[in-house]
Amino acid sequence: MRRQRALALVLLVAAATACGAADRPRIAVMRTTTAGTPVAGMGDHLAALLSWRLRESGRFDVLPDIPAQGESGLRQWAGEQSTGGGVLPPRVLIPYVMMDDGYYQVMVVVADVASASRPATFVIDGEGGLRELARAISALGDRLAGEAALASPSLGDEGQSALAAPPALRLTDRMRAYRGAKAGVMTSTFIDRFDPRTVRLMSYNVNWDAIFPDVNERAAEKFQRLVKALDPDVVCLQEIREKSADDVRALLNAISPLPNGAAWHAYKGWTNVIASKHPLSLMADRTIPPGERELAMALVDLPDERFKADLYVINNHWKCCGDTANDPQRQQMADAIANWIRDARTPGGAIDLPGRTPFVICGDLNIVGGFQPVETLLTGDILDERRYGPDFKPDWDGSALTDLKPRHNADGTETYTWRNDNDRWPPGRLDFIIFSDSLLEPVHAFVLNTTVLPPELLAKTRLEAFDVTLDDVGREYDHLPLVVDFRVLE
């Protein structure tokens, strides 16, 4: 991989021995080496982020059964850098974390200079402390995300003196697996993907092909900014009426081109499109028995080296309006999908998913009447059992599914996904993301509402105030985009 700029930021995490607040690790940037143009203030920024994360999350303890990775050269180097030339006892191994996206390198050295008996008081493992550390690091303002792993350095010569740079790094299989797992251009705002090992899904009703320049040039410009800023892996669109899956694929290839000659994949069922950076299979536009209308369903082939399973996606656009008068049509869709999930989870029938494949049901469900259709999706409470079979618990562990219910801009109070101040109807939550929580963890989620973002956040994200509205005054919103970062569990 061609590296335009290599940057090694080396930090020492020194553990205090006192109890209470002083027992939390202290952060200090020890040295910065560059090959190319330095990034001014980047080390201080990283230190501040990690310090904030430690204050928020408290103390991290290393687990006794996690071996600290390290070799003599790194031990001596870390000791000299951290204690003014003093070398740590030979029994103390120095673990470190390497994050590398082919553009920047960040190396975090973890050491306990206060005690030779405990190598560290900071958890660095693939699923615990490293995840928190990765979230903090990935909030840097430049392109800094991709690989995060425990790594062992190359063997150093015994007695090696202070090094001008850290010892040479040897990529582990896990680090190679993270190559390409970029989290987009980091903005240090809520839109960032805090964990590069997640899959980001966006669900968005785009108002009848308006995202295409030949249909609505202004709306297309807004959509381009949204996709570039949010950088989703899977895009579930509703209200793609005249345009085809190939049209959506071409649009995304133009807006968000993939590296190494790769291209987006897309499948359309009725007015719903599932687009993905990863290949699609098991594509279908109707359940058996069918519901009230067609939908789009596909299995997203997530990279095996990064994810424990693939992701099955069901993208919907249900019957609009009518208050409770149109509830029967919406209920029919819910019954049909619930039965389809049962079929997918059990051998035989119309579809068989690999065991313990996580799944997501998303889209514009148009819930303007009763909530029973959503309850059916969540709990498997099928109303038309004669046609769609008996009730059942839809998740793989025999439990109910989970309604994500994201909030505006991650930490807001509002949850509505549709709004039109020119209409008599109040804002409502019409769009949903429902998922199998036994296999998926929503690490981060939000409904994007650019109209309430302050100017400094708009500048950082390169979005504009009315990028989520149909008009340019903030009265006619229509639908807002929903975004979630899922971590695939065991």
Protein backbone atom coordinates (compact mmCIF):
# COMPACT_ATOMS: atom_id res chain seq x y z
CA MET A 1 0.00 0.00 0.00
CA ARG A 2 1.41 3.37 -0.96
CA ARG A 3 1.88 5.58 2.08
CA GLN A 4 1.63 9.29 1.43
CA ARG A 5 2.46 10.22 5.00
CA ALA A 6 3.68 8.00 7.80
CA LEU A 7 3.19 9.29 11.30
CA ALA A 8 4.06 7.47 14.50
CA LEU A 9 2.54 8.95 17.62
CA VAL A 10 3.91 7.18 20.65
CA LEU A 11 2.20 7.53 23.98
CA LEU A 12 2.95 6.16 27.39
CA VAL A 13 0.15 5.18 29.73
CA ALA A 14 1.67 5.36 33.21
CA ALA A 15 -0.33 3.85 36.04
CA ALA A 16 -0.48 5.56 39.40
CA THR A 17 -0.33 3.36 42.46
CA ALA A 18 -2.51 5.37 44.78
CA CYS A 19 -6.19 4.65 45.25
CA GLY A 20 -9.12 6.76 44.14
CA ALA A 21 -8.84 9.31 41.37
CA ALA A 22 -5.06 9.02 41.29
CA ASP A 23 -5.43 5.34 40.44
CA ARG A 24 -6.46 6.19 36.92
CA PRO A 25 -3.76 6.05 34.24
CA ARG A 26 -2.00 9.22 33.20
CA ILE A 27 -1.43 10.03 29.53
CA ALA A 28 1.67 11.66 28.10
CA VAL A 29 2.87 12.01 24.53
CA MET A 30 6.49 10.85 24.58
CA ARG A 31 7.71 11.59 21.09
CA THR A 32 6.52 12.18 17.55
CA THR A 33 8.41 11.12 14.45
CA THR A 34 7.33 11.93 10.94
CA ALA A 35 8.26 10.92 7.44
CA GLY A 36 6.71 13.70 5.46
CA THR A 37 4.79 16.72 6.60
CA PRO A 38 4.15 16.83 10.36
CA VAL A 39 0.61 17.28 11.62
CA ALA A 40 0.73 20.21 14.00
CA GLY A 41 -0.82 19.54 17.40
CA MET A 42 -1.94 16.03 16.57
CA GLY A 43 -0.16 14.46 19.53
CA ASP A 44 -1.67 16.89 22.01
CA HIS A 45 -5.09 16.32 20.47
CA LEU A 46 -4.74 12.56 20.83
CA ALA A 47 -3.57 12.87 24.42
CA ALA A 48 -6.53 15.07 25.27
CA LEU A 49 -8.96 12.64 23.68
CA LEU A 50 -7.56 9.66 25.56
CA SER A 51 -7.51 11.59 28.83
CA TRP A 52 -11.16 12.50 28.32
CA ARG A 53 -12.05 8.88 27.55
CA LEU A 54 -10.34 7.70 30.73
CA ARG A 55 -12.14 10.30 32.83
CA GLU A 56 -15.46 9.30 31.32
CA SER A 57 -14.95 5.54 31.48
CA GLY A 58 -12.90 5.24 34.66
CA ARG A 59 -10.01 2.92 35.21
CA PHE A 60 -9.17 0.08 32.88
CA ASP A 61 -7.49 -3.00 34.39
CA VAL A 62 -5.42 -5.49 32.48
CA LEU A 63 -6.76 -9.03 32.71
CA PRO A 64 -4.29 -11.52 34.21
CA ASP A 65 -4.70 -13.99 31.37
CA ILE A 66 -3.95 -11.46 28.63
CA PRO A 67 -0.21 -11.61 27.92
CA ALA A 68 1.53 -8.29 27.51
CA GLN A 69 3.20 -8.19 24.11
CA GLY A 70 6.73 -6.91 23.83
CA GLU A 71 10.41 -7.49 23.19
CA SER A 72 13.60 -6.22 24.81
CA GLY A 73 14.18 -3.44 22.32
CA LEU A 74 10.77 -1.95 22.90
CA ARG A 75 11.11 -2.39 26.67
CA GLN A 76 14.36 -0.50 26.75
CA TRP A 77 13.14 2.16 24.37
CA ALA A 78 9.95 2.73 26.35
CA GLY A 79 11.84 2.77 29.63
CA GLU A 80 14.35 5.32 28.42
CA GLN A 81 11.68 7.54 26.96
CA SER A 82 9.43 7.38 30.00
CA THR A 83 11.85 7.53 32.92
CA GLY A 84 14.60 9.74 31.59
CA GLY A 85 16.96 6.93 30.67
CA GLY A 86 16.05 4.35 33.29
CA VAL A 87 15.33 0.89 31.93
CA LEU A 88 12.32 -1.05 33.11
CA PRO A 89 13.07 -4.41 34.75
CA PRO A 90 13.46 -7.21 32.17
CA ARG A 91 10.38 -9.01 33.50
CA VAL A 92 8.15 -6.11 32.52
CA LEU A 93 6.74 -6.52 29.03
CA ILE A 94 5.41 -3.44 27.28
CA PRO A 95 2.18 -3.95 25.33
CA TYR A 96 1.32 -1.56 22.59
CA VAL A 97 -1.47 -0.95 20.13
CA MET A 98 -0.93 -0.10 16.50
CA MET A 99 -3.54 1.73 14.44
CA ASP A 100 -2.72 2.08 10.77
CA ASP A 101 -4.89 2.98 7.78
CA GLY A 102 -2.06 3.16 5.28
CA TYR A 103 -1.90 6.91 5.65
CA TYR A 104 -1.20 7.49 9.31
CA GLN A 105 0.29 5.27 11.98
CA VAL A 106 -0.48 5.63 15.64
CA MET A 107 1.40 3.57 18.18
CA VAL A 108 0.22 3.57 21.79
CA VAL A 109 2.73 2.16 24.26
CA VAL A 110 1.25 0.93 27.53
CA ALA A 111 3.54 0.63 30.52
CA ASP A 112 3.45 0.66 34.30
CA VAL A 113 6.56 2.55 35.33
CA ALA A 114 5.48 2.52 38.96
CA SER A 115 5.47 -1.23 39.51
CA ALA A 116 7.59 -3.99 38.04
CA SER A 117 5.14 -6.61 39.23
CA ARG A 118 2.18 -5.40 37.20
CA PRO A 119 2.97 -4.76 33.54
CA ALA A 120 0.00 -2.47 33.02
CA THR A 121 -3.23 -1.23 34.50
CA PHE A 122 -4.82 -0.57 31.17
CA VAL A 123 -6.89 -3.14 29.31
CA ILE A 124 -5.71 -3.56 25.75
CA ASP A 125 -7.60 -6.41 24.18
CA GLY A 126 -9.58 -6.92 21.02
CA GLU A 127 -13.02 -6.58 22.54
CA GLY A 128 -12.73 -4.48 25.70
CA GLY A 129 -10.34 -1.62 26.32
CA LEU A 130 -9.14 -1.59 22.76
CA ARG A 131 -12.63 -0.75 21.58
CA GLU A 132 -12.75 2.26 23.88
CA LEU A 133 -9.27 3.27 22.82
CA ALA A 134 -10.17 2.88 19.16
CA ARG A 135 -13.20 5.10 19.61
CA ALA A 136 -11.10 7.86 21.09
CA ILE A 137 -8.34 7.58 18.53
CA SER A 138 -10.74 7.48 15.62
CA ALA A 139 -12.09 10.90 16.61
CA LEU A 140 -8.95 12.61 15.32
CA GLY A 141 -9.55 15.39 12.87
CA ASP A 142 -7.57 13.82 10.01
CA ARG A 143 -7.87 10.42 8.34
CA LEU A 144 -6.97 8.24 11.27
CA ALA A 145 -8.85 4.97 11.47
CA GLY A 146 -8.55 1.51 10.08
CA GLU A 147 -6.43 -0.92 12.00
CA ALA A 148 -6.36 -1.56 15.70
CA ALA A 149 -4.73 -4.62 17.17
CA LEU A 150 -2.28 -5.97 19.65
CA ALA A 151 0.96 -6.42 17.78
CA SER A 152 4.42 -7.71 18.58
CA PRO A 153 7.45 -5.75 17.44
CA SER A 154 10.24 -7.24 15.42
CA LEU A 155 13.01 -8.72 17.52
CA GLY A 156 15.48 -6.10 18.68
CA ASP A 157 19.13 -6.50 19.55
CA GLU A 158 19.84 -7.03 23.24
CA GLY A 159 21.29 -3.95 24.86
CA GLN A 160 19.89 -1.70 22.15
CA SER A 161 20.08 1.91 23.28
CA ALA A 162 17.47 4.63 22.95
CA LEU A 163 15.82 4.45 19.55
CA ALA A 164 15.15 7.38 17.26
CA ALA A 165 11.89 5.68 16.34
CA PRO A 166 9.90 2.71 17.65
CA PRO A 167 11.11 -0.75 16.63
CA ALA A 168 9.93 -2.03 13.28
CA LEU A 169 6.38 -3.34 13.35
CA ARG A 170 5.20 -6.72 12.21
CA LEU A 171 1.61 -6.79 10.97
CA THR A 172 -0.55 -9.38 12.66
CA ASP A 173 -3.39 -11.17 10.92
CA ARG A 174 -5.84 -9.03 12.82
CA MET A 175 -4.16 -5.85 11.68
CA ARG A 176 -4.31 -7.03 8.08
CA ALA A 177 -7.97 -7.78 8.59
CA TYR A 178 -8.64 -4.19 9.58
CA ARG A 179 -6.98 -2.79 6.47
CA GLY A 180 -9.73 -1.15 4.50
CA ALA A 181 -11.98 -0.81 7.55
CA LYS A 182 -11.83 2.95 7.32
CA ALA A 183 -14.24 5.15 9.18
CA GLY A 184 -14.29 7.97 6.67
CA VAL A 185 -12.90 11.44 7.15
CA MET A 186 -12.86 12.07 10.88
CA THR A 187 -14.64 15.24 11.99
CA SER A 188 -14.48 14.93 15.80
CA THR A 189 -18.29 15.19 15.83
CA PHE A 190 -21.16 12.79 16.46
CA ILE A 191 -21.29 11.66 12.82
CA ASP A 192 -17.94 9.88 13.14
CA ARG A 193 -17.76 6.13 13.28
CA PHE A 194 -16.17 5.60 16.68
CA ASP A 195 -15.37 1.93 16.10
CA PRO A 196 -13.91 1.04 12.68
CA ARG A 197 -14.85 -2.61 13.22
CA THR A 198 -18.56 -1.89 12.82
CA VAL A 199 -20.81 -1.93 9.78
CA ARG A 200 -22.64 1.37 9.22
CA LEU A 201 -26.20 1.20 7.89
CA MET A 202 -28.22 4.19 6.73
CA SER A 203 -31.98 4.08 6.09
CA TYR A 204 -33.47 7.01 4.19
CA ASN A 205 -36.69 7.82 2.36
CA VAL A 206 -35.42 10.07 -0.44
CA ASN A 207 -38.70 11.47 -1.83
CA TRP A 208 -39.26 9.82 -5.19
CA ASP A 209 -35.88 9.76 -6.95
CA ALA A 210 -34.98 13.28 -5.78
CA ILE A 211 -31.37 12.25 -5.07
CA PHE A 212 -30.58 12.10 -8.80
CA PRO A 213 -29.29 15.29 -10.47
CA ASP A 214 -31.58 14.91 -13.48
CA VAL A 215 -34.60 14.78 -11.15
CA ASN A 216 -33.78 17.41 -8.53
CA GLU A 217 -30.37 19.03 -8.77
CA ARG A 218 -30.56 20.77 -5.41
CA ALA A 219 -31.69 17.63 -3.55
CA ALA A 220 -28.98 15.63 -5.31
CA GLU A 221 -26.33 18.04 -4.00
CA LYS A 222 -27.66 17.56 -0.48
CA PHE A 223 -27.60 13.77 -0.83
CA GLN A 224 -24.02 13.86 -2.06
CA ARG A 225 -22.93 15.79 1.02
CA LEU A 226 -24.81 13.38 3.29
CA VAL A 227 -23.23 10.27 1.80
CA LYS A 228 -19.74 11.76 1.86
CA ALA A 229 -20.13 12.83 5.48
CA LEU A 230 -21.84 9.71 6.80
CA ASP A 231 -19.88 7.16 4.73
CA PRO A 232 -22.35 4.25 5.14
CA ASP A 233 -21.47 0.66 4.26
CA VAL A 234 -25.09 -0.32 3.61
CA VAL A 235 -27.66 2.16 2.26
CA CYS A 236 -31.37 1.32 2.44
CA LEU A 237 -33.33 3.77 0.31
CA GLN A 238 -37.09 4.11 -0.04
CA GLU A 239 -39.07 5.87 -2.78
CA ILE A 240 -36.80 5.00 -5.68
CA ARG A 241 -39.60 4.88 -8.23
CA GLU A 242 -38.36 5.34 -11.80
CA LYS A 243 -34.65 4.81 -11.24
CA SER A 244 -33.13 1.33 -11.23
CA ALA A 245 -30.69 -0.46 -8.96
CA ASP A 246 -28.02 0.19 -11.58
CA ASP A 247 -28.82 3.90 -11.39
CA VAL A 248 -28.35 3.87 -7.62
CA ARG A 249 -25.13 1.90 -7.98
CA ALA A 250 -23.75 4.38 -10.49
CA LEU A 251 -24.74 7.31 -8.31
CA LEU A 252 -22.98 5.91 -5.24
CA ASN A 253 -19.90 4.99 -7.27
CA ALA A 254 -19.71 8.63 -8.34
CA ILE A 255 -20.34 10.08 -4.87
CA SER A 256 -18.37 7.60 -2.79
CA PRO A 257 -15.95 5.62 -4.98
CA LEU A 258 -14.48 2.50 -3.40
CA PRO A 259 -10.75 1.76 -3.36
CA ASN A 260 -8.86 -0.70 -5.54
CA GLY A 261 -11.37 -0.64 -8.37
CA ALA A 262 -14.21 -2.03 -6.26
CA ALA A 263 -17.79 -0.96 -6.96
CA TRP A 264 -21.04 -0.69 -5.06
CA HIS A 265 -23.67 -3.43 -5.22
CA ALA A 266 -27.41 -2.73 -5.33
CA TYR A 267 -30.73 -4.55 -5.46
CA LYS A 268 -34.19 -3.06 -5.97
CA GLY A 269 -37.54 -4.42 -4.88
CA TRP A 270 -40.52 -2.23 -5.74
CA THR A 271 -39.43 1.28 -4.61
CA ASN A 272 -36.85 0.02 -2.13
CA VAL A 273 -33.13 -0.30 -2.84
CA ILE A 274 -30.45 -2.00 -0.77
CA ALA A 275 -27.00 -0.71 -1.79
CA SER A 276 -23.82 -2.05 -0.25
CA LYS A 277 -20.06 -1.76 -0.43
CA HIS A 278 -20.05 -5.55 -0.06
CA PRO A 279 -21.60 -8.23 -2.31
CA LEU A 280 -25.28 -9.12 -2.00
CA SER A 281 -26.93 -12.54 -2.18
CA LEU A 282 -30.28 -14.16 -1.34
CA MET A 283 -31.98 -11.20 -2.97
CA ALA A 284 -35.78 -11.22 -3.02
CA ASP A 285 -38.60 -8.71 -3.43
CA ARG A 286 -41.45 -10.61 -1.78
CA THR A 287 -42.05 -12.96 1.09
CA ILE A 288 -43.87 -16.28 0.81
CA PRO A 289 -46.77 -15.95 1.47
CA PRO A 290 -46.53 -12.36 0.21
CA GLY A 291 -47.45 -9.27 2.15
CA GLU A 292 -49.46 -6.32 0.94
CA ARG A 293 -46.64 -5.11 -1.32
CA GLU A 294 -43.10 -5.87 -2.40
CA LEU A 295 -39.98 -5.00 -0.45
CA ALA A 296 -36.22 -5.48 -0.84
CA MET A 297 -34.30 -8.20 1.00
CA ALA A 298 -30.68 -9.29 0.69
CA LEU A 299 -27.80 -10.88 2.56
CA VAL A 300 -24.82 -8.53 2.82
CA ASP A 301 -21.59 -10.53 2.48
CA LEU A 302 -19.46 -8.85 5.14
CA PRO A 303 -15.70 -9.53 4.95
CA ASP A 304 -14.95 -12.74 6.86
CA GLU A 305 -11.66 -11.44 8.21
CA ARG A 306 -13.42 -8.55 9.95
CA PHE A 307 -16.89 -9.82 10.84
CA LYS A 308 -18.11 -12.96 12.52
CA ALA A 309 -21.19 -13.28 10.29
CA ASP A 310 -22.98 -11.70 7.36
CA LEU A 311 -25.95 -9.34 7.71
CA TYR A 312 -29.47 -9.97 6.40
CA VAL A 313 -31.36 -6.77 5.56
CA ILE A 314 -35.10 -6.29 4.97
CA ASN A 315 -35.87 -2.83 3.54
CA ASN A 316 -39.49 -1.62 3.62
CA HIS A 317 -41.85 1.10 2.46
CA TRP A 318 -45.29 0.40 3.91
CA LYS A 319 -48.70 1.83 3.13
CA CYS A 320 -48.88 5.56 3.81
CA CYS A 321 -51.40 7.72 5.62
CA GLY A 322 -54.98 6.88 6.50
CA ASP A 323 -54.54 6.77 10.27
CA THR A 324 -55.87 3.44 11.53
CA ALA A 325 -57.82 2.86 8.29
CA ASN A 326 -54.65 1.57 6.61
CA ASP A 327 -53.46 -0.46 9.58
CA PRO A 328 -54.64 -3.74 7.98
CA GLN A 329 -52.22 -3.27 5.06
CA ARG A 330 -49.38 -2.46 7.43
CA GLN A 331 -50.27 -5.39 9.66
CA GLN A 332 -50.23 -7.72 6.68
CA MET A 333 -46.67 -6.63 5.91
CA ALA A 334 -45.63 -7.21 9.51
CA ASP A 335 -47.22 -10.67 9.60
CA ALA A 336 -45.55 -11.61 6.32
CA ILE A 337 -42.10 -10.47 7.48
CA ALA A 338 -42.43 -12.24 10.83
CA ASN A 339 -43.28 -15.48 9.05
CA TRP A 340 -40.40 -14.93 6.61
CA ILE A 341 -37.94 -14.58 9.49
CA ARG A 342 -39.20 -17.85 10.95
CA ASP A 343 -38.72 -19.51 7.56
CA ALA A 344 -35.20 -18.05 7.28
CA ARG A 345 -34.24 -19.38 10.69
CA THR A 346 -35.53 -22.92 10.16
CA PRO A 347 -34.35 -25.50 7.58
CA GLY A 348 -36.47 -25.91 4.47
CA GLY A 349 -39.07 -23.59 3.03
CA ALA A 350 -38.42 -20.62 0.77
CA ILE A 351 -35.24 -19.31 2.45
CA ASP A 352 -32.54 -20.65 4.74
CA LEU A 353 -30.10 -18.30 6.43
CA PRO A 354 -26.87 -19.65 7.89
CA GLY A 355 -27.31 -20.27 11.59
CA ARG A 356 -27.13 -17.18 13.80
CA THR A 357 -27.07 -14.70 10.93
CA PRO A 358 -27.94 -11.27 12.36
CA PHE A 359 -30.74 -9.39 10.63
CA VAL A 360 -32.12 -5.87 10.38
CA ILE A 361 -35.63 -4.73 9.43
CA CYS A 362 -35.62 -1.09 8.41
CA GLY A 363 -37.34 1.52 6.31
CA ASP A 364 -40.37 3.77 6.17
CA LEU A 365 -43.07 1.82 8.01
CA ASN A 366 -45.49 4.77 7.95
CA ILE A 367 -46.75 4.12 11.47
CA VAL A 368 -49.47 6.78 11.65
CA GLY A 369 -52.17 4.57 13.15
CA GLY A 370 -51.76 1.77 15.66
CA PHE A 371 -48.42 0.37 16.84
CA GLN A 372 -49.38 -3.31 16.54
CA PRO A 373 -47.52 -3.84 13.23
CA VAL A 374 -44.28 -2.86 14.95
CA GLU A 375 -45.13 -5.07 17.93
CA THR A 376 -45.53 -7.97 15.51
CA LEU A 377 -42.04 -7.39 14.13
CA LEU A 378 -40.57 -7.08 17.61
CA THR A 379 -42.32 -9.96 19.36
CA GLY A 380 -43.53 -12.28 16.60
CA ASP A 381 -47.18 -11.72 17.57
CA ILE A 382 -48.77 -12.63 14.22
CA LEU A 383 -52.43 -11.60 13.89
CA ASP A 384 -53.34 -13.56 10.75
CA GLU A 385 -52.14 -16.94 11.99
CA ARG A 386 -54.25 -18.83 9.49
CA ARG A 387 -52.18 -17.45 6.61
CA TYR A 388 -48.83 -16.63 8.23
CA GLY A 389 -48.53 -19.23 10.97
CA PRO A 390 -48.46 -19.13 14.76
CA ASP A 391 -46.67 -16.65 16.99
CA PHE A 392 -42.97 -17.14 17.69
CA LYS A 393 -40.01 -15.30 19.19
CA PRO A 394 -38.07 -13.91 16.24
CA ASP A 395 -34.50 -13.58 17.57
CA TRP A 396 -32.09 -16.50 17.41
CA ASP A 397 -31.96 -16.78 21.21
CA GLY A 398 -35.74 -17.07 21.48
CA SER A 399 -36.29 -13.47 22.54
CA ALA A 400 -37.87 -10.41 20.97
CA LEU A 401 -36.12 -8.07 18.57
CA THR A 402 -35.10 -4.53 19.52
CA ASP A 403 -36.42 -1.21 18.26
CA LEU A 404 -33.35 1.03 17.89
CA LYS A 405 -35.21 4.33 18.33
CA PRO A 406 -32.23 6.63 17.66
CA ARG A 407 -32.25 10.24 18.81
CA HIS A 408 -31.56 13.36 16.82
CA ASN A 409 -27.84 13.93 16.37
CA ALA A 410 -27.04 11.14 18.85
CA ASP A 411 -27.69 13.01 22.11
CA GLY A 412 -30.82 15.02 21.37
CA THR A 413 -34.26 14.52 22.87
CA GLU A 414 -36.26 14.16 19.65
CA THR A 415 -36.86 10.83 17.91
CA TYR A 416 -39.19 11.83 15.06
CA THR A 417 -38.10 10.90 11.54
CA TRP A 418 -40.71 12.82 9.52
CA ARG A 419 -41.78 16.43 9.74
CA ASN A 420 -43.61 18.97 7.61
CA ASP A 421 -44.41 22.30 9.22
CA ASN A 422 -46.56 23.19 6.22
CA ASP A 423 -48.87 20.26 7.04
CA ARG A 424 -51.42 19.84 9.81
CA TRP A 425 -49.79 16.62 10.99
CA PRO A 426 -47.27 16.79 13.84
CA PRO A 427 -43.79 15.30 13.47
CA GLY A 428 -43.79 11.53 13.77
CA ARG A 429 -41.55 8.49 13.99
CA LEU A 430 -42.36 6.77 10.72
CA ASP A 431 -38.96 5.22 9.99
CA PHE A 432 -37.56 2.32 11.99
CA ILE A 433 -34.51 0.14 12.47
CA ILE A 434 -35.35 -3.13 14.20
CA PHE A 435 -32.63 -5.71 14.77
CA SER A 436 -31.64 -9.03 16.34
CA ASP A 437 -29.91 -7.82 19.49
CA SER A 438 -28.57 -11.25 20.38
CA LEU A 439 -26.12 -10.88 17.49
CA LEU A 440 -25.85 -7.13 16.88
CA GLU A 441 -24.69 -4.36 19.18
CA PRO A 442 -25.57 -0.80 18.14
CA VAL A 443 -22.33 0.94 19.05
CA HIS A 444 -23.51 4.33 17.80
CA ALA A 445 -26.77 5.58 16.27
CA PHE A 446 -28.54 8.81 15.41
CA VAL A 447 -31.21 10.50 13.32
CA LEU A 448 -29.44 13.24 11.40
CA ASN A 449 -31.07 16.65 11.70
CA THR A 450 -28.80 19.28 10.19
CA THR A 451 -31.26 22.12 10.82
CA VAL A 452 -30.32 22.34 14.51
CA LEU A 453 -26.55 21.95 14.15
CA PRO A 454 -24.50 24.99 15.15
CA PRO A 455 -22.30 26.59 12.49
CA GLU A 456 -19.10 25.09 13.90
CA LEU A 457 -20.47 21.53 13.60
CA LEU A 458 -21.72 22.19 10.09
CA ALA A 459 -18.26 23.41 9.16
CA LYS A 460 -16.57 20.34 10.63
CA THR A 461 -18.94 17.90 8.93
CA ARG A 462 -19.06 19.86 5.66
CA LEU A 463 -22.83 19.72 5.77
CA GLU A 464 -25.31 22.55 5.29
CA ALA A 465 -28.19 23.49 7.54
CA PHE A 466 -30.95 22.33 5.19
CA ASP A 467 -29.30 19.20 3.82
CA VAL A 468 -32.05 17.03 5.35
CA THR A 469 -35.01 19.16 4.22
CA LEU A 470 -36.91 19.32 0.94
CA ASP A 471 -36.92 23.10 1.02
CA ASP A 472 -34.18 25.57 1.91
CA VAL A 473 -35.95 27.29 4.79
CA GLY A 474 -36.46 24.38 7.18
CA ARG A 475 -40.22 23.94 7.11
CA GLU A 476 -40.77 20.95 4.82
CA TYR A 477 -38.47 18.21 6.01
CA ASP A 478 -40.11 15.02 4.76
CA HIS A 479 -37.99 12.12 6.09
CA LEU A 480 -34.70 12.26 7.98
CA PRO A 481 -31.85 9.75 7.54
CA LEU A 482 -31.30 7.12 10.24
CA VAL A 483 -27.75 5.90 10.87
CA VAL A 484 -26.44 3.04 13.01
CA ASP A 485 -23.05 1.42 13.51
CA PHE A 486 -23.52 -2.27 14.29
CA ARG A 487 -20.94 -4.52 15.83
CA VAL A 488 -21.47 -8.17 14.94
CA LEU A 489 -21.33 -10.29 18.10
CA GLU A 490 -20.28 -13.90 18.59
